Amino acid sequence: MLKIQLFGSVQIALDQQSINLRPAAQNLLAFLVLYHRHHFAQTGYRRDILTDQLWHEHDEKQARRCLSTTLWRLRQQLEAETNFRGAFISTMAAGEIAFNFDSDHWVDAIDFETKVVAGLAVTLEEMDGAQARLLEDARQLYRGDLLEGNYSDWIIHERERLNLLYLKCLTRLMQYYDRCGRHEESVSCGQAILAVDPLREQVHRHLMWTYAKSGQRILAARQYKWCEKALADELGILPMAETQMLFAQICTTAVPIELPSIPAEPTAVSAVAESGSLQHALQQLKIVMQDLDRLQTQIQQVRQIITQLGASAG
């Protein structure tokens, strides 16, 4: 049984015995297993594709040498105990390289995606405990960013895709627990979302309302201050009018506050576009224009200094 954990720090184990792979071998193995959805995963990747993705900083000859050496070392470590070449890494007739998905293996990223997709297969209204358990299991698998600390170009797209899937998982769980009246679990999911993306105002509002509804108005006020600071630090803008009004209600009334709009499941858009707020967009545009004006002023000042220095030298 080959166990591959790619969330957070990479951990590889064969029959419960830890295997310490070199970074290059980790990258090669991760590349082969992560793209299991592509037809190349079954037919194998051409060597020039692998060298372009994993050793693009080297010339062609050196890159092919790196691939051959890394492949040999990877096989030595993974297949030494099996006495079977190709137990986990297969080489096709034309030299293509593939991971053997028919082998006895487990990959946390693949298991995570499978569980999230199954958990989100029904609508929120149709969702029951079975889907919630799938999403909770997936949540536990996400121990950190994919291949944490590795910033190779090929990883970034897959990392962002799985990160978005993680946020969708948390958002659906937050919605589900709220519908079931399990407010502590709903708050926990909201906090986990904001730990990844602190600019999601709808989530801040949801937590503010949940705290206020349960009589924890100090926590609700702190949540607003966190939202306010996050937006100011990252975007230089104020919270939306809806968020400010909710905060004012929390501070001035003891009457239960009307539930704000439930956060929608995230999509691959910016925080400003996600909010759908024209006010946010205009505020951000204004800030960018101010920054451009200051930059143009600084450039003009530098030009004047250069002109003056040139005249003095003449």
C-alpha atoms as a PDB file:
ATOM      1  CA  MET A   1       0.000   0.000   0.000  1.00  0.00           C
ATOM      2  CA  LEU A   2       1.512   3.299  -1.104  1.00  0.00           C
ATOM      3  CA  LYS A   3       0.196   6.284   0.842  1.00  0.00           C
ATOM      4  CA  ILE A   4       0.812   9.739  -0.639  1.00  0.00           C
ATOM      5  CA  GLN A   5      -0.051  12.908   1.303  1.00  0.00           C
ATOM      6  CA  LEU A   6       0.371  16.110  -0.699  1.00  0.00           C
ATOM      7  CA  PHE A   7      -1.555  18.620   1.417  1.00  0.00           C
ATOM      8  CA  GLY A   8       0.809  20.549   3.658  1.00  0.00           C
ATOM      9  CA  SER A   9       4.239  18.956   3.874  1.00  0.00           C
ATOM     10  CA  VAL A  10       4.660  15.945   1.579  1.00  0.00           C
ATOM     11  CA  GLN A  11       4.559  12.557   3.310  1.00  0.00           C
ATOM     12  CA  ILE A  12       5.094   9.251   1.508  1.00  0.00           C
ATOM     13  CA  ALA A  13       4.736   5.839   3.142  1.00  0.00           C
ATOM     14  CA  LEU A  14       4.953   2.292   1.768  1.00  0.00           C
ATOM     15  CA  ASP A  15       3.297  -0.321   3.963  1.00  0.00           C
ATOM     16  CA  GLN A  16       3.348   2.223   6.801  1.00  0.00           C
ATOM     17  CA  GLN A  17       7.108   2.747   6.433  1.00  0.00           C
ATOM     18  CA  SER A  18       7.986   6.374   5.770  1.00  0.00           C
ATOM     19  CA  ILE A  19       9.946   7.129   2.576  1.00  0.00           C
ATOM     20  CA  ASN A  20      12.036  10.286   2.307  1.00  0.00           C
ATOM     21  CA  LEU A  21      12.024  11.371  -1.317  1.00  0.00           C
ATOM     22  CA  ARG A  22      14.239  14.119  -2.667  1.00  0.00           C
ATOM     23  CA  PRO A  23      12.393  17.269  -3.799  1.00  0.00           C
ATOM     24  CA  ALA A  24      12.800  16.383  -7.485  1.00  0.00           C
ATOM     25  CA  ALA A  25      11.338  12.916  -6.896  1.00  0.00           C
ATOM     26  CA  GLN A  26       8.469  14.412  -4.893  1.00  0.00           C
ATOM     27  CA  ASN A  27       7.689  16.767  -7.767  1.00  0.00           C
ATOM     28  CA  LEU A  28       7.732  14.007 -10.356  1.00  0.00           C
ATOM     29  CA  LEU A  29       5.526  11.698  -8.298  1.00  0.00           C
ATOM     30  CA  ALA A  30       3.105  14.522  -7.457  1.00  0.00           C
ATOM     31  CA  PHE A  31       2.835  15.559 -11.107  1.00  0.00           C
ATOM     32  CA  LEU A  32       2.062  12.003 -12.206  1.00  0.00           C
ATOM     33  CA  VAL A  33      -0.677  11.437  -9.611  1.00  0.00           C
ATOM     34  CA  LEU A  34      -2.307  14.881  -9.489  1.00  0.00           C
ATOM     35  CA  TYR A  35      -3.332  14.958 -13.108  1.00  0.00           C
ATOM     36  CA  HIS A  36      -5.247  11.688 -12.840  1.00  0.00           C
ATOM     37  CA  ARG A  37      -8.212  13.312 -14.630  1.00  0.00           C
ATOM     38  CA  HIS A  38      -6.262  13.813 -17.855  1.00  0.00           C
ATOM     39  CA  HIS A  39      -5.975  11.162 -20.529  1.00  0.00           C
ATOM     40  CA  PHE A  40      -2.191  11.438 -20.207  1.00  0.00           C
ATOM     41  CA  ALA A  41      -2.526   9.867 -16.761  1.00  0.00           C
ATOM     42  CA  GLN A  42      -3.405   6.568 -18.446  1.00  0.00           C
ATOM     43  CA  THR A  43      -1.448   6.779 -21.685  1.00  0.00           C
ATOM     44  CA  GLY A  44       1.638   8.269 -20.054  1.00  0.00           C
ATOM     45  CA  TYR A  45       3.452  11.585 -20.391  1.00  0.00           C
ATOM     46  CA  ARG A  46       6.060  12.113 -23.057  1.00  0.00           C
ATOM     47  CA  ARG A  47       9.458  12.842 -21.579  1.00  0.00           C
ATOM     48  CA  ASP A  48       9.681  16.244 -23.229  1.00  0.00           C
ATOM     49  CA  ILE A  49       6.426  17.263 -21.486  1.00  0.00           C
ATOM     50  CA  LEU A  50       7.823  16.233 -18.110  1.00  0.00           C
ATOM     51  CA  THR A  51      11.122  18.027 -18.658  1.00  0.00           C
ATOM     52  CA  ASP A  52       9.337  21.188 -19.826  1.00  0.00           C
ATOM     53  CA  GLN A  53       7.173  21.190 -16.708  1.00  0.00           C
ATOM     54  CA  LEU A  54       9.673  20.072 -14.072  1.00  0.00           C
ATOM     55  CA  TRP A  55      13.123  21.085 -15.382  1.00  0.00           C
ATOM     56  CA  HIS A  56      12.372  23.988 -17.697  1.00  0.00           C
ATOM     57  CA  GLU A  57      15.290  25.994 -16.269  1.00  0.00           C
ATOM     58  CA  HIS A  58      17.802  23.507 -17.760  1.00  0.00           C
ATOM     59  CA  ASP A  59      18.756  22.947 -21.378  1.00  0.00           C
ATOM     60  CA  GLU A  60      17.204  19.952 -23.112  1.00  0.00           C
ATOM     61  CA  LYS A  61      20.094  17.537 -22.601  1.00  0.00           C
ATOM     62  CA  GLN A  62      20.518  18.338 -18.931  1.00  0.00           C
ATOM     63  CA  ALA A  63      16.764  18.251 -18.317  1.00  0.00           C
ATOM     64  CA  ARG A  64      16.479  14.758 -19.833  1.00  0.00           C
ATOM     65  CA  ARG A  65      19.377  13.623 -17.670  1.00  0.00           C
ATOM     66  CA  CYS A  66      17.638  15.016 -14.578  1.00  0.00           C
ATOM     67  CA  LEU A  67      14.441  13.188 -15.499  1.00  0.00           C
ATOM     68  CA  SER A  68      16.236   9.872 -16.021  1.00  0.00           C
ATOM     69  CA  THR A  69      18.113  10.146 -12.728  1.00  0.00           C
ATOM     70  CA  THR A  70      15.021  11.188 -10.779  1.00  0.00           C
ATOM     71  CA  LEU A  71      12.916   8.430 -12.332  1.00  0.00           C
ATOM     72  CA  TRP A  72      15.539   5.825 -11.445  1.00  0.00           C
ATOM     73  CA  ARG A  73      15.745   7.018  -7.835  1.00  0.00           C
ATOM     74  CA  LEU A  74      11.960   7.158  -7.505  1.00  0.00           C
ATOM     75  CA  ARG A  75      11.588   3.603  -8.725  1.00  0.00           C
ATOM     76  CA  GLN A  76      14.357   2.413  -6.455  1.00  0.00           C
ATOM     77  CA  GLN A  77      12.618   3.808  -3.393  1.00  0.00           C
ATOM     78  CA  LEU A  78       9.044   2.881  -4.297  1.00  0.00           C
ATOM     79  CA  GLU A  79       9.549  -0.501  -5.916  1.00  0.00           C
ATOM     80  CA  ALA A  80      12.554  -1.954  -4.093  1.00  0.00           C
ATOM     81  CA  GLU A  81      10.294  -3.952  -1.761  1.00  0.00           C
ATOM     82  CA  THR A  82       7.912  -5.142  -4.479  1.00  0.00           C
ATOM     83  CA  ASN A  83      10.494  -6.752  -6.780  1.00  0.00           C
ATOM     84  CA  PHE A  84       8.226  -5.706  -9.615  1.00  0.00           C
ATOM     85  CA  ARG A  85       9.260  -3.022 -12.094  1.00  0.00           C
ATOM     86  CA  GLY A  86       6.260  -0.876 -12.880  1.00  0.00           C
ATOM     87  CA  ALA A  87       4.446  -1.604  -9.615  1.00  0.00           C
ATOM     88  CA  PHE A  88       3.825   2.119  -9.198  1.00  0.00           C
ATOM     89  CA  ILE A  89       5.607   3.872 -12.084  1.00  0.00           C
ATOM     90  CA  SER A  90       4.981   2.531 -15.586  1.00  0.00           C
ATOM     91  CA  THR A  91       6.968   3.125 -18.768  1.00  0.00           C
ATOM     92  CA  MET A  92       5.109   2.694 -22.053  1.00  0.00           C
ATOM     93  CA  ALA A  93       6.495   1.231 -25.262  1.00  0.00           C
ATOM     94  CA  ALA A  94       7.352   4.650 -26.713  1.00  0.00           C
ATOM     95  CA  GLY A  95       8.971   5.805 -23.462  1.00  0.00           C
ATOM     96  CA  GLU A  96       6.002   7.633 -21.937  1.00  0.00           C
ATOM     97  CA  ILE A  97       5.863   7.658 -18.141  1.00  0.00           C
ATOM     98  CA  ALA A  98       2.727   7.187 -16.032  1.00  0.00           C
ATOM     99  CA  PHE A  99       1.665   6.391 -12.507  1.00  0.00           C
ATOM    100  CA  ASN A 100       0.070   2.952 -12.192  1.00  0.00           C
ATOM    101  CA  PHE A 101      -3.411   3.813 -10.942  1.00  0.00           C
ATOM    102  CA  ASP A 102      -4.266   0.108 -10.783  1.00  0.00           C
ATOM    103  CA  SER A 103      -1.755  -0.287  -7.959  1.00  0.00           C
ATOM    104  CA  ASP A 104      -2.637  -0.423  -4.271  1.00  0.00           C
ATOM    105  CA  HIS A 105      -2.353   3.262  -3.375  1.00  0.00           C
ATOM    106  CA  TRP A 106      -4.062   6.200  -1.678  1.00  0.00           C
ATOM    107  CA  VAL A 107      -3.593   9.917  -2.431  1.00  0.00           C
ATOM    108  CA  ASP A 108      -5.073  12.480  -0.049  1.00  0.00           C
ATOM    109  CA  ALA A 109      -5.710  15.063  -2.804  1.00  0.00           C
ATOM    110  CA  ILE A 110      -7.646  12.551  -4.927  1.00  0.00           C
ATOM    111  CA  ASP A 111      -9.636  11.282  -1.943  1.00  0.00           C
ATOM    112  CA  PHE A 112     -10.361  14.884  -0.930  1.00  0.00           C
ATOM    113  CA  GLU A 113     -11.698  15.820  -4.364  1.00  0.00           C
ATOM    114  CA  THR A 114     -13.802  12.657  -4.630  1.00  0.00           C
ATOM    115  CA  LYS A 115     -15.468  13.318  -1.269  1.00  0.00           C
ATOM    116  CA  VAL A 116     -16.141  17.005  -1.978  1.00  0.00           C
ATOM    117  CA  VAL A 117     -17.671  16.290  -5.370  1.00  0.00           C
ATOM    118  CA  ALA A 118     -19.907  13.606  -3.837  1.00  0.00           C
ATOM    119  CA  GLY A 119     -20.868  15.880  -0.939  1.00  0.00           C
ATOM    120  CA  LEU A 120     -21.832  18.712  -3.263  1.00  0.00           C
ATOM    121  CA  ALA A 121     -23.730  16.458  -5.689  1.00  0.00           C
ATOM    122  CA  VAL A 122     -27.077  17.428  -4.135  1.00  0.00           C
ATOM    123  CA  THR A 123     -28.572  20.832  -3.380  1.00  0.00           C
ATOM    124  CA  LEU A 124     -28.413  22.342   0.090  1.00  0.00           C
ATOM    125  CA  GLU A 125     -32.126  21.570   0.552  1.00  0.00           C
ATOM    126  CA  GLU A 126     -31.574  17.888  -0.334  1.00  0.00           C
ATOM    127  CA  MET A 127     -28.455  17.527   1.766  1.00  0.00           C
ATOM    128  CA  ASP A 128     -28.467  15.123   4.719  1.00  0.00           C
ATOM    129  CA  GLY A 129     -26.011  13.739   7.249  1.00  0.00           C
ATOM    130  CA  ALA A 130     -24.361  11.431   4.702  1.00  0.00           C
ATOM    131  CA  GLN A 131     -23.246  14.322   2.497  1.00  0.00           C
ATOM    132  CA  ALA A 132     -22.183  16.318   5.567  1.00  0.00           C
ATOM    133  CA  ARG A 133     -19.969  13.449   6.727  1.00  0.00           C
ATOM    134  CA  LEU A 134     -18.334  13.271   3.296  1.00  0.00           C
ATOM    135  CA  LEU A 135     -17.572  16.991   3.408  1.00  0.00           C
ATOM    136  CA  GLU A 136     -16.303  16.767   6.989  1.00  0.00           C
ATOM    137  CA  ASP A 137     -13.998  13.902   6.001  1.00  0.00           C
ATOM    138  CA  ALA A 138     -12.724  15.982   3.095  1.00  0.00           C
ATOM    139  CA  ARG A 139     -12.203  18.959   5.393  1.00  0.00           C
ATOM    140  CA  GLN A 140      -9.971  16.859   7.648  1.00  0.00           C
ATOM    141  CA  LEU A 141      -7.858  15.765   4.678  1.00  0.00           C
ATOM    142  CA  TYR A 142      -7.007  19.364   3.767  1.00  0.00           C
ATOM    143  CA  ARG A 143      -4.020  19.805   6.132  1.00  0.00           C
ATOM    144  CA  GLY A 144      -2.640  22.828   4.295  1.00  0.00           C
ATOM    145  CA  ASP A 145      -1.936  24.118   0.811  1.00  0.00           C
ATOM    146  CA  LEU A 146      -1.045  21.581  -1.844  1.00  0.00           C
ATOM    147  CA  LEU A 147       2.727  20.898  -1.761  1.00  0.00           C
ATOM    148  CA  GLU A 148       3.174  23.631   0.803  1.00  0.00           C
ATOM    149  CA  GLY A 149       6.260  25.773   0.223  1.00  0.00           C
ATOM    150  CA  ASN A 150       6.689  24.590  -3.376  1.00  0.00           C
ATOM    151  CA  TYR A 151       6.158  27.405  -5.880  1.00  0.00           C
ATOM    152  CA  SER A 152       6.850  25.624  -9.156  1.00  0.00           C
ATOM    153  CA  ASP A 153       4.734  27.010 -11.976  1.00  0.00           C
ATOM    154  CA  TRP A 154       2.885  23.764 -12.668  1.00  0.00           C
ATOM    155  CA  ILE A 155       1.697  23.477  -9.072  1.00  0.00           C
ATOM    156  CA  ILE A 156       0.033  26.886  -8.762  1.00  0.00           C
ATOM    157  CA  HIS A 157      -3.040  26.166 -10.926  1.00  0.00           C
ATOM    158  CA  GLU A 158      -3.754  22.847  -9.187  1.00  0.00           C
ATOM    159  CA  ARG A 159      -3.202  24.414  -5.758  1.00  0.00           C
ATOM    160  CA  GLU A 160      -5.695  27.188  -6.503  1.00  0.00           C
ATOM    161  CA  ARG A 161      -8.251  24.728  -7.913  1.00  0.00           C
ATOM    162  CA  LEU A 162      -8.134  22.534  -4.808  1.00  0.00           C
ATOM    163  CA  ASN A 163      -8.130  25.582  -2.537  1.00  0.00           C
ATOM    164  CA  LEU A 164     -11.353  26.775  -4.172  1.00  0.00           C
ATOM    165  CA  LEU A 165     -12.829  23.306  -3.751  1.00  0.00           C
ATOM    166  CA  TYR A 166     -11.917  23.457  -0.051  1.00  0.00           C
ATOM    167  CA  LEU A 167     -13.712  26.802   0.307  1.00  0.00           C
ATOM    168  CA  LYS A 168     -16.795  25.363  -1.420  1.00  0.00           C
ATOM    169  CA  CYS A 169     -16.707  22.449   1.009  1.00  0.00           C
ATOM    170  CA  LEU A 170     -16.543  24.757   4.034  1.00  0.00           C
ATOM    171  CA  THR A 171     -19.243  27.086   2.696  1.00  0.00           C
ATOM    172  CA  ARG A 172     -21.697  24.248   2.108  1.00  0.00           C
ATOM    173  CA  LEU A 173     -21.007  22.841   5.590  1.00  0.00           C
ATOM    174  CA  MET A 174     -21.562  26.299   7.109  1.00  0.00           C
ATOM    175  CA  GLN A 175     -24.876  26.589   5.282  1.00  0.00           C
ATOM    176  CA  TYR A 176     -25.932  23.062   6.269  1.00  0.00           C
ATOM    177  CA  TYR A 177     -25.110  23.477   9.957  1.00  0.00           C
ATOM    178  CA  ASP A 178     -26.919  26.806  10.023  1.00  0.00           C
ATOM    179  CA  ARG A 179     -30.060  25.182   8.591  1.00  0.00           C
ATOM    180  CA  CYS A 180     -29.820  22.470  11.249  1.00  0.00           C
ATOM    181  CA  GLY A 181     -29.431  24.993  14.063  1.00  0.00           C
ATOM    182  CA  ARG A 182     -25.919  23.760  14.833  1.00  0.00           C
ATOM    183  CA  HIS A 183     -24.485  27.233  15.182  1.00  0.00           C
ATOM    184  CA  GLU A 184     -21.152  26.299  16.784  1.00  0.00           C
ATOM    185  CA  GLU A 185     -20.270  24.063  13.845  1.00  0.00           C
ATOM    186  CA  SER A 186     -21.448  26.770  11.428  1.00  0.00           C
ATOM    187  CA  VAL A 187     -19.196  29.320  13.146  1.00  0.00           C
ATOM    188  CA  SER A 188     -16.253  26.900  13.027  1.00  0.00           C
ATOM    189  CA  CYS A 189     -16.650  26.534   9.256  1.00  0.00           C
ATOM    190  CA  GLY A 190     -16.944  30.299   8.811  1.00  0.00           C
ATOM    191  CA  GLN A 191     -13.767  30.871  10.794  1.00  0.00           C
ATOM    192  CA  ALA A 192     -11.972  28.279   8.665  1.00  0.00           C
ATOM    193  CA  ILE A 193     -13.096  30.098   5.490  1.00  0.00           C
ATOM    194  CA  LEU A 194     -11.816  33.440   6.779  1.00  0.00           C
ATOM    195  CA  ALA A 195      -8.505  31.856   7.775  1.00  0.00           C
ATOM    196  CA  VAL A 196      -8.014  31.185   4.048  1.00  0.00           C
ATOM    197  CA  ASP A 197      -9.727  34.278   2.625  1.00  0.00           C
ATOM    198  CA  PRO A 198     -10.378  37.047   5.189  1.00  0.00           C
ATOM    199  CA  LEU A 199     -12.032  39.316   2.574  1.00  0.00           C
ATOM    200  CA  ARG A 200     -15.309  37.400   2.304  1.00  0.00           C
ATOM    201  CA  GLU A 201     -17.704  39.954   3.772  1.00  0.00           C
ATOM    202  CA  GLN A 202     -20.744  37.697   3.532  1.00  0.00           C
ATOM    203  CA  VAL A 203     -19.010  35.229   5.825  1.00  0.00           C
ATOM    204  CA  HIS A 204     -18.104  38.007   8.273  1.00  0.00           C
ATOM    205  CA  ARG A 205     -21.757  39.112   8.293  1.00  0.00           C
ATOM    206  CA  HIS A 206     -22.958  35.578   8.829  1.00  0.00           C
ATOM    207  CA  LEU A 207     -20.680  35.161  11.846  1.00  0.00           C
ATOM    208  CA  MET A 208     -21.714  38.561  13.214  1.00  0.00           C
ATOM    209  CA  TRP A 209     -25.381  37.586  12.983  1.00  0.00           C
ATOM    210  CA  THR A 210     -24.781  34.148  14.518  1.00  0.00           C
ATOM    211  CA  TYR A 211     -22.901  35.620  17.465  1.00  0.00           C
ATOM    212  CA  ALA A 212     -25.541  38.342  17.995  1.00  0.00           C
ATOM    213  CA  LYS A 213     -28.410  35.855  17.755  1.00  0.00           C
ATOM    214  CA  SER A 214     -26.853  33.762  20.532  1.00  0.00           C
ATOM    215  CA  GLY A 215     -26.329  36.814  22.743  1.00  0.00           C
ATOM    216  CA  GLN A 216     -22.582  37.107  22.107  1.00  0.00           C
ATOM    217  CA  ARG A 217     -22.647  40.715  20.940  1.00  0.00           C
ATOM    218  CA  ILE A 218     -19.049  41.389  21.983  1.00  0.00           C
ATOM    219  CA  LEU A 219     -17.895  38.607  19.662  1.00  0.00           C
ATOM    220  CA  ALA A 220     -20.154  40.010  16.939  1.00  0.00           C
ATOM    221  CA  ALA A 221     -18.556  43.448  17.344  1.00  0.00           C
ATOM    222  CA  ARG A 222     -15.072  41.926  17.281  1.00  0.00           C
ATOM    223  CA  GLN A 223     -15.999  40.122  14.073  1.00  0.00           C
ATOM    224  CA  TYR A 224     -16.937  43.432  12.469  1.00  0.00           C
ATOM    225  CA  LYS A 225     -13.652  45.020  13.576  1.00  0.00           C
ATOM    226  CA  TRP A 226     -11.755  42.086  12.065  1.00  0.00           C
ATOM    227  CA  CYS A 227     -13.673  42.522   8.804  1.00  0.00           C
ATOM    228  CA  GLU A 228     -13.018  46.266   8.826  1.00  0.00           C
ATOM    229  CA  LYS A 229      -9.280  45.800   9.402  1.00  0.00           C
ATOM    230  CA  ALA A 230      -8.920  43.062   6.771  1.00  0.00           C
ATOM    231  CA  LEU A 231     -10.568  45.205   4.095  1.00  0.00           C
ATOM    232  CA  ALA A 232      -8.572  48.291   5.069  1.00  0.00           C
ATOM    233  CA  ASP A 233      -5.239  46.430   5.115  1.00  0.00           C
ATOM    234  CA  GLU A 234      -5.755  44.460   1.901  1.00  0.00           C
ATOM    235  CA  LEU A 235      -7.889  46.756  -0.270  1.00  0.00           C
ATOM    236  CA  GLY A 236      -7.908  50.122   1.469  1.00  0.00           C
ATOM    237  CA  ILE A 237     -11.717  50.194   1.556  1.00  0.00           C
ATOM    238  CA  LEU A 238     -14.521  50.233   4.123  1.00  0.00           C
ATOM    239  CA  PRO A 239     -16.996  47.377   4.686  1.00  0.00           C
ATOM    240  CA  MET A 240     -20.126  47.405   2.553  1.00  0.00           C
ATOM    241  CA  ALA A 241     -23.151  49.409   3.714  1.00  0.00           C
ATOM    242  CA  GLU A 242     -24.957  46.152   4.524  1.00  0.00           C
ATOM    243  CA  THR A 243     -22.156  45.138   6.885  1.00  0.00           C
ATOM    244  CA  GLN A 244     -22.048  48.549   8.561  1.00  0.00           C
ATOM    245  CA  MET A 245     -25.819  48.534   9.057  1.00  0.00           C
ATOM    246  CA  LEU A 246     -25.667  45.095  10.644  1.00  0.00           C
ATOM    247  CA  PHE A 247     -22.944  46.330  13.018  1.00  0.00           C
ATOM    248  CA  ALA A 248     -25.066  49.365  13.941  1.00  0.00           C
ATOM    249  CA  GLN A 249     -28.020  47.094  14.698  1.00  0.00           C
ATOM    250  CA  ILE A 250     -25.873  44.878  16.880  1.00  0.00           C
ATOM    251  CA  CYS A 251     -24.649  47.893  18.861  1.00  0.00           C
ATOM    252  CA  THR A 252     -28.002  49.637  19.317  1.00  0.00           C
ATOM    253  CA  THR A 253     -30.772  47.051  19.635  1.00  0.00           C
ATOM    254  CA  ALA A 254     -31.549  44.002  21.700  1.00  0.00           C
ATOM    255  CA  VAL A 255     -34.143  42.819  19.187  1.00  0.00           C
ATOM    256  CA  PRO A 256     -33.049  39.700  17.251  1.00  0.00           C
ATOM    257  CA  ILE A 257     -31.474  40.783  14.008  1.00  0.00           C
ATOM    258  CA  GLU A 258     -32.732  39.601  10.654  1.00  0.00           C
ATOM    259  CA  LEU A 259     -30.501  36.972   9.063  1.00  0.00           C
ATOM    260  CA  PRO A 260     -28.245  38.478   6.390  1.00  0.00           C
ATOM    261  CA  SER A 261     -27.951  36.839   3.015  1.00  0.00           C
ATOM    262  CA  ILE A 262     -26.437  33.356   3.246  1.00  0.00           C
ATOM    263  CA  PRO A 263     -22.921  33.294   1.747  1.00  0.00           C
ATOM    264  CA  ALA A 264     -22.914  31.823  -1.728  1.00  0.00           C
ATOM    265  CA  GLU A 265     -20.521  29.026  -2.592  1.00  0.00           C
ATOM    266  CA  PRO A 266     -17.280  30.631  -3.803  1.00  0.00           C
ATOM    267  CA  THR A 267     -16.274  30.849  -7.420  1.00  0.00           C
ATOM    268  CA  ALA A 268     -12.951  31.673  -9.035  1.00  0.00           C
ATOM    269  CA  VAL A 269     -13.391  35.432  -9.003  1.00  0.00           C
ATOM    270  CA  SER A 270     -11.838  38.264  -7.077  1.00  0.00           C
ATOM    271  CA  ALA A 271     -13.118  39.287  -3.660  1.00  0.00           C
ATOM    272  CA  VAL A 272     -14.507  42.543  -5.060  1.00  0.00           C
ATOM    273  CA  ALA A 273     -16.289  40.898  -7.971  1.00  0.00           C
ATOM    274  CA  GLU A 274     -17.643  38.219  -5.637  1.00  0.00           C
ATOM    275  CA  SER A 275     -19.381  40.765  -3.458  1.00  0.00           C
ATOM    276  CA  GLY A 276     -21.212  42.174  -6.466  1.00  0.00           C
ATOM    277  CA  SER A 277     -20.941  45.598  -4.871  1.00  0.00           C
ATOM    278  CA  LEU A 278     -20.661  48.571  -7.188  1.00  0.00           C
ATOM    279  CA  GLN A 279     -19.640  50.617  -4.171  1.00  0.00           C
ATOM    280  CA  HIS A 280     -16.681  48.308  -3.557  1.00  0.00           C
ATOM    281  CA  ALA A 281     -15.613  48.427  -7.175  1.00  0.00           C
ATOM    282  CA  LEU A 282     -15.794  52.225  -7.337  1.00  0.00           C
ATOM    283  CA  GLN A 283     -13.905  52.602  -4.072  1.00  0.00           C
ATOM    284  CA  GLN A 284     -11.161  50.320  -5.266  1.00  0.00           C
ATOM    285  CA  LEU A 285     -10.949  52.123  -8.624  1.00  0.00           C
ATOM    286  CA  LYS A 286     -10.666  55.436  -6.806  1.00  0.00           C
ATOM    287  CA  ILE A 287      -7.791  54.120  -4.707  1.00  0.00           C
ATOM    288  CA  VAL A 288      -5.980  52.783  -7.773  1.00  0.00           C
ATOM    289  CA  MET A 289      -6.377  56.135  -9.545  1.00  0.00           C
ATOM    290  CA  GLN A 290      -4.998  57.945  -6.488  1.00  0.00           C
ATOM    291  CA  ASP A 291      -2.005  55.611  -6.438  1.00  0.00           C
ATOM    292  CA  LEU A 292      -1.415  56.276 -10.134  1.00  0.00           C
ATOM    293  CA  ASP A 293      -1.563  60.033  -9.548  1.00  0.00           C
ATOM    294  CA  ARG A 294       1.015  59.778  -6.767  1.00  0.00           C
ATOM    295  CA  LEU A 295       3.231  57.592  -8.933  1.00  0.00           C
ATOM    296  CA  GLN A 296       3.058  60.045 -11.832  1.00  0.00           C
ATOM    297  CA  THR A 297       3.982  62.892  -9.467  1.00  0.00           C
ATOM    298  CA  GLN A 298       6.977  60.921  -8.185  1.00  0.00           C
ATOM    299  CA  ILE A 299       8.102  60.132 -11.733  1.00  0.00           C
ATOM    300  CA  GLN A 300       7.879  63.819 -12.652  1.00  0.00           C
ATOM    301  CA  GLN A 301       9.955  64.744  -9.607  1.00  0.00           C
ATOM    302  CA  VAL A 302      12.616  62.181 -10.516  1.00  0.00           C
ATOM    303  CA  ARG A 303      12.749  63.527 -14.076  1.00  0.00           C
ATOM    304  CA  GLN A 304      13.257  67.053 -12.763  1.00  0.00           C
ATOM    305  CA  ILE A 305      16.096  65.894 -10.515  1.00  0.00           C
ATOM    306  CA  ILE A 306      17.760  64.061 -13.425  1.00  0.00           C
ATOM    307  CA  THR A 307      17.423  67.175 -15.599  1.00  0.00           C
ATOM    308  CA  GLN A 308      18.971  69.323 -12.875  1.00  0.00           C
ATOM    309  CA  LEU A 309      21.849  66.898 -12.391  1.00  0.00           C
ATOM    310  CA  GLY A 310      22.470  66.828 -16.127  1.00  0.00           C
ATOM    311  CA  ALA A 311      22.561  70.623 -16.249  1.00  0.00           C
ATOM    312  CA  SER A 312      24.995  70.763 -13.316  1.00  0.00           C
ATOM    313  CA  ALA A 313      27.282  68.205 -14.944  1.00  0.00           C
ATOM    314  CA  GLY A 314      27.286  70.235 -18.160  1.00  0.00           C
END
